[in-house]
C-alpha atoms as a PDB file:
ATOM      1  CA  MET A   1     -10.502  -0.938   2.413  1.00  0.00           C
ATOM      2  CA  GLN A   2     -12.723   0.129  -0.461  1.00  0.00           C
ATOM      3  CA  THR A   3     -15.668   0.129   1.921  1.00  0.00           C
ATOM      4  CA  ALA A   4     -13.801   2.399   4.319  1.00  0.00           C
ATOM      5  CA  TRP A   5     -13.050   4.895   1.535  1.00  0.00           C
ATOM      6  CA  ARG A   6     -16.695   4.977   0.451  1.00  0.00           C
ATOM      7  CA  GLU A   7     -18.059   5.311   3.976  1.00  0.00           C
ATOM      8  CA  ARG A   8     -19.379   8.777   4.875  1.00  0.00           C
ATOM      9  CA  ASN A   9     -19.201   8.329   8.645  1.00  0.00           C
ATOM     10  CA  THR A  10     -15.725   9.283   9.852  1.00  0.00           C
ATOM     11  CA  GLN A  11     -15.682   6.800  12.726  1.00  0.00           C
ATOM     12  CA  GLU A  12     -16.682   3.958  10.401  1.00  0.00           C
ATOM     13  CA  ARG A  13     -13.942   4.998   7.956  1.00  0.00           C
ATOM     14  CA  ILE A  14     -11.374   4.866  10.743  1.00  0.00           C
ATOM     15  CA  LYS A  15     -12.723   1.542  11.962  1.00  0.00           C
ATOM     16  CA  GLY A  16     -12.510   0.112   8.431  1.00  0.00           C
ATOM     17  CA  ALA A  17      -8.940   1.333   7.982  1.00  0.00           C
ATOM     18  CA  LYS A  18      -7.856  -0.214  11.279  1.00  0.00           C
ATOM     19  CA  ALA A  19      -9.527  -3.491  10.306  1.00  0.00           C
ATOM     20  CA  ALA A  20      -7.634  -3.448   7.001  1.00  0.00           C
ATOM     21  CA  ILE A  21      -4.339  -2.935   8.851  1.00  0.00           C
ATOM     22  CA  GLU A  22      -5.162  -5.856  11.156  1.00  0.00           C
ATOM     23  CA  LYS A  23      -5.628  -8.077   8.095  1.00  0.00           C
ATOM     24  CA  ASN A  24      -2.617  -6.712   6.227  1.00  0.00           C
ATOM     25  CA  SER A  25      -0.056  -4.541   7.988  1.00  0.00           C
ATOM     26  CA  ASP A  26       1.208  -3.359   4.580  1.00  0.00           C
ATOM     27  CA  CYS A  27      -2.087  -1.703   3.595  1.00  0.00           C
ATOM     28  CA  ALA A  28      -0.733   1.690   2.537  1.00  0.00           C
ATOM     29  CA  THR A  29      -4.149   3.148   1.727  1.00  0.00           C
ATOM     30  CA  ALA A  30      -5.356   2.448   5.250  1.00  0.00           C
ATOM     31  CA  TYR A  31      -2.483   4.467   6.686  1.00  0.00           C
ATOM     32  CA  VAL A  32      -3.267   7.334   4.301  1.00  0.00           C
ATOM     33  CA  LEU A  33      -6.908   7.312   5.388  1.00  0.00           C
ATOM     34  CA  LEU A  34      -5.875   7.345   9.048  1.00  0.00           C
ATOM     35  CA  ALA A  35      -3.489  10.236   8.377  1.00  0.00           C
ATOM     36  CA  GLU A  36      -6.352  12.202   6.849  1.00  0.00           C
ATOM     37  CA  GLU A  37      -9.108  11.271   9.273  1.00  0.00           C
ATOM     38  CA  GLU A  38      -7.630  10.365  12.633  1.00  0.00           C
ATOM     39  CA  ALA A  39      -4.386  12.294  13.021  1.00  0.00           C
ATOM     40  CA  THR A  40      -4.819  15.311  15.272  1.00  0.00           C
ATOM     41  CA  THR A  41      -1.404  16.876  14.686  1.00  0.00           C
ATOM     42  CA  ILE A  42       0.865  17.325  11.730  1.00  0.00           C
ATOM     43  CA  ALA A  43       3.414  15.075  13.441  1.00  0.00           C
ATOM     44  CA  ASP A  44       0.841  12.278  13.778  1.00  0.00           C
ATOM     45  CA  SER A  45      -0.163  12.702  10.162  1.00  0.00           C
ATOM     46  CA  GLU A  46       3.450  12.680   9.015  1.00  0.00           C
ATOM     47  CA  LYS A  47       4.160   9.507  10.989  1.00  0.00           C
ATOM     48  CA  LEU A  48       1.184   7.723   9.410  1.00  0.00           C
ATOM     49  CA  LEU A  49       2.134   8.913   5.927  1.00  0.00           C
ATOM     50  CA  LYS A  50       5.706   7.677   6.403  1.00  0.00           C
ATOM     51  CA  THR A  51       4.285   4.326   7.471  1.00  0.00           C
ATOM     52  CA  ALA A  52       2.120   4.336   4.329  1.00  0.00           C
ATOM     53  CA  LEU A  53       5.202   4.996   2.202  1.00  0.00           C
ATOM     54  CA  LYS A  54       7.093   2.115   3.825  1.00  0.00           C
ATOM     55  CA  ALA A  55       4.104  -0.175   3.256  1.00  0.00           C
ATOM     56  CA  ALA A  56       3.860   0.863  -0.391  1.00  0.00           C
ATOM     57  CA  GLU A  57       7.584   0.278  -0.902  1.00  0.00           C
ATOM     58  CA  SER A  58       7.268  -3.141   0.726  1.00  0.00           C
ATOM     59  CA  ASN A  59       4.359  -4.019  -1.566  1.00  0.00           C
ATOM     60  CA  LEU A  60       6.366  -2.904  -4.597  1.00  0.00           C
ATOM     61  CA  LYS A  61       9.344  -5.055  -3.593  1.00  0.00           C
ATOM     62  CA  LYS A  62       7.078  -8.066  -3.085  1.00  0.00           C
ATOM     63  CA  SER A  63       5.454  -7.610  -6.484  1.00  0.00           C
ATOM     64  CA  GLN A  64       8.811  -7.183  -8.207  1.00  0.00           C
ATOM     65  CA  MET A  65      10.133 -10.352  -6.584  1.00  0.00           C
ATOM     66  CA  ASN A  66       7.141 -12.218  -7.991  1.00  0.00           C
ATOM     67  CA  LEU A  67       7.910 -10.867 -11.454  1.00  0.00           C
ATOM     68  CA  SER A  68      11.654 -11.410 -11.376  1.00  0.00           C
ATOM     69  CA  HIS A  69      13.080 -13.185 -14.337  1.00  0.00           C
ATOM     70  CA  GLY A  70      15.794 -15.738 -14.480  1.00  0.00           C
ATOM     71  CA  PRO A  71      18.554 -15.954 -17.072  1.00  0.00           C
ATOM     72  CA  ILE A  72      16.412 -18.025 -19.440  1.00  0.00           C
ATOM     73  CA  THR A  73      13.363 -15.781 -19.363  1.00  0.00           C
ATOM     74  CA  ASP A  74      15.550 -12.674 -19.625  1.00  0.00           C
ATOM     75  CA  SER A  75      17.142 -13.972 -22.805  1.00  0.00           C
ATOM     76  CA  LEU A  76      13.705 -14.822 -24.224  1.00  0.00           C
ATOM     77  CA  HIS A  77      12.455 -11.355 -23.396  1.00  0.00           C
ATOM     78  CA  ARG A  78      15.442  -9.728 -25.109  1.00  0.00           C
ATOM     79  CA  LYS A  79      14.948 -11.950 -28.139  1.00  0.00           C
ATOM     80  CA  ASN A  80      11.240 -11.128 -28.393  1.00  0.00           C
ATOM     81  CA  SER A  81      11.689  -7.393 -27.852  1.00  0.00           C
ATOM     82  CA  LYS A  82      14.130  -7.033 -30.773  1.00  0.00           C
ATOM     83  CA  ARG A  83      11.453  -7.912 -33.285  1.00  0.00           C
END
């Protein structure tokens, strides 16, 4: 996706964004790029941006699940943060 953002050719940017979505359907930045570059109407752009928001929220939930603490680690965190 970084390559798509750096690309100067619009068609290559779009192609890169679509490739990123094929690899990861939750690639929010790819949807933003498509909303900016490919959407021909405000409705199309809004649809892509809403999809980007859903993807970003999904990514956030996944990352928070990976960082979730159990009762033991929560108590350790509370103990360490009181110092």
